[in-house]
Amino acid sequence: MTVAISKGKDPQKAKPGFIHIHTQVNPHLSRRIICPHCGNEWNFYQIAEEVKLTTRYVQNADGSFTPLSDDSRILGEVKLYCGECQADLSKFHNRFLEMLF
């Protein structure tokens, strides 16, 4: 945030004792998740509890297996963590999901 303090919009026309405060806020900064514990804004991870993972395989002629597809279903809670200090940031998880592309 940038704060500039001046006496009115035009210092020549300012009333005595009047202070004009102008703020500029970067609209993208308010959308970023920032860890309130360490200030990290780059590295995050999520942990899903009670995950059902189904992997389909085909058996090759030599007896080895090759995976064909994976399917996962999360049955439990999903939590978001700071990648730097490992703080629980689950209160930001909905915002995190909104910003996944």
Protein backbone atom coordinates (compact mmCIF):
# COMPACT_ATOMS: atom_id res chain seq x y z
CA MET A 1 0.00 0.00 0.00
CA THR A 2 1.32 3.45 -0.87
CA VAL A 3 0.24 6.36 1.29
CA ALA A 4 0.80 9.94 0.24
CA ILE A 5 -0.11 12.72 2.65
CA SER A 6 -0.72 16.22 1.33
CA LYS A 7 -2.73 19.22 2.44
CA GLY A 8 -5.80 18.77 0.23
CA LYS A 9 -5.88 17.75 -3.41
CA ASP A 10 -4.22 20.99 -4.42
CA PRO A 11 -1.88 22.34 -1.74
CA GLN A 12 -2.53 25.89 -3.04
CA LYS A 13 -6.28 25.57 -2.29
CA ALA A 14 -6.05 23.54 0.93
CA LYS A 15 -7.89 24.60 4.04
CA PRO A 16 -5.73 25.01 7.13
CA GLY A 17 -5.46 21.80 9.12
CA PHE A 18 -6.97 19.62 6.35
CA ILE A 19 -4.98 16.52 5.47
CA HIS A 20 -5.77 14.49 2.38
CA ILE A 21 -4.68 10.85 2.46
CA HIS A 22 -4.51 9.09 -0.87
CA THR A 23 -4.04 5.30 -0.94
CA GLN A 24 -3.21 3.06 -3.85
CA VAL A 25 -3.84 -0.65 -3.40
CA ASN A 26 -2.65 -3.26 -5.85
CA PRO A 27 -5.86 -5.24 -6.60
CA HIS A 28 -3.91 -8.48 -7.03
CA LEU A 29 -2.33 -8.29 -3.57
CA SER A 30 -5.66 -8.64 -1.80
CA ARG A 31 -6.26 -11.89 -3.69
CA ARG A 32 -3.00 -13.53 -2.61
CA ILE A 33 -2.79 -15.88 0.34
CA ILE A 34 -0.05 -14.82 2.73
CA CYS A 35 0.87 -16.88 5.76
CA PRO A 36 0.08 -14.77 8.84
CA HIS A 37 2.80 -16.62 10.80
CA CYS A 38 5.88 -16.24 8.57
CA GLY A 39 4.81 -14.02 5.62
CA ASN A 40 5.27 -16.76 3.00
CA GLU A 41 3.22 -16.13 -0.13
CA TRP A 42 4.74 -18.66 -2.55
CA ASN A 43 4.89 -22.24 -1.20
CA PHE A 44 1.87 -24.15 0.03
CA TYR A 45 0.71 -27.76 0.20
CA GLN A 46 -2.50 -29.55 1.02
CA ILE A 47 -3.10 -32.84 2.78
CA ALA A 48 -6.20 -34.93 2.15
CA GLU A 49 -7.27 -37.35 4.85
CA GLU A 50 -9.02 -40.65 4.17
CA VAL A 51 -8.33 -40.93 0.45
CA LYS A 52 -9.54 -43.86 -1.61
CA LEU A 53 -7.13 -44.39 -4.52
CA THR A 54 -8.03 -46.82 -7.28
CA THR A 55 -5.41 -47.73 -9.87
CA ARG A 56 -6.26 -49.95 -12.82
CA TYR A 57 -3.50 -52.14 -14.26
CA VAL A 58 -2.93 -54.44 -17.19
CA GLN A 59 -0.62 -57.43 -16.83
CA ASN A 60 2.03 -57.69 -19.52
CA ALA A 61 3.14 -60.92 -21.18
CA ASP A 62 6.28 -61.03 -19.01
CA GLY A 63 4.20 -60.87 -15.81
CA SER A 64 4.90 -57.19 -15.07
CA PHE A 65 2.11 -54.65 -14.62
CA THR A 66 1.49 -51.31 -16.32
CA PRO A 67 -0.89 -48.78 -14.75
CA LEU A 68 -3.71 -47.67 -17.06
CA SER A 69 -5.52 -45.10 -14.95
CA ASP A 70 -5.80 -43.62 -11.48
CA ASP A 71 -8.93 -42.47 -9.72
CA SER A 72 -9.02 -40.88 -6.29
CA ARG A 73 -11.84 -39.99 -3.96
CA ILE A 74 -11.33 -37.88 -0.85
CA LEU A 75 -13.51 -39.09 1.98
CA GLY A 76 -12.06 -36.95 4.77
CA GLU A 77 -10.96 -33.40 5.38
CA VAL A 78 -8.52 -31.49 3.16
CA LYS A 79 -6.20 -29.00 4.86
CA LEU A 80 -3.95 -26.29 3.46
CA TYR A 81 -0.51 -25.68 4.99
CA CYS A 82 2.26 -23.12 4.62
CA GLY A 83 5.18 -24.65 2.74
CA GLU A 84 7.70 -22.67 4.81
CA CYS A 85 6.58 -22.87 8.47
CA GLN A 86 3.98 -25.69 8.11
CA ALA A 87 1.26 -23.57 9.77
CA ASP A 88 -2.31 -24.77 9.24
CA LEU A 89 -3.86 -22.34 6.74
CA SER A 90 -7.11 -24.26 6.25
CA LYS A 91 -9.11 -21.07 6.82
CA PHE A 92 -7.79 -20.00 3.37
CA HIS A 93 -8.58 -23.33 1.67
CA ASN A 94 -11.72 -22.10 -0.12
CA ARG A 95 -9.76 -19.16 -1.54
CA PHE A 96 -7.02 -21.60 -2.60
CA LEU A 97 -9.59 -23.73 -4.44
CA GLU A 98 -11.04 -20.67 -6.20
CA MET A 99 -7.61 -19.82 -7.58
CA LEU A 100 -6.61 -23.26 -8.89
CA PHE A 101 -6.27 -23.21 -12.67
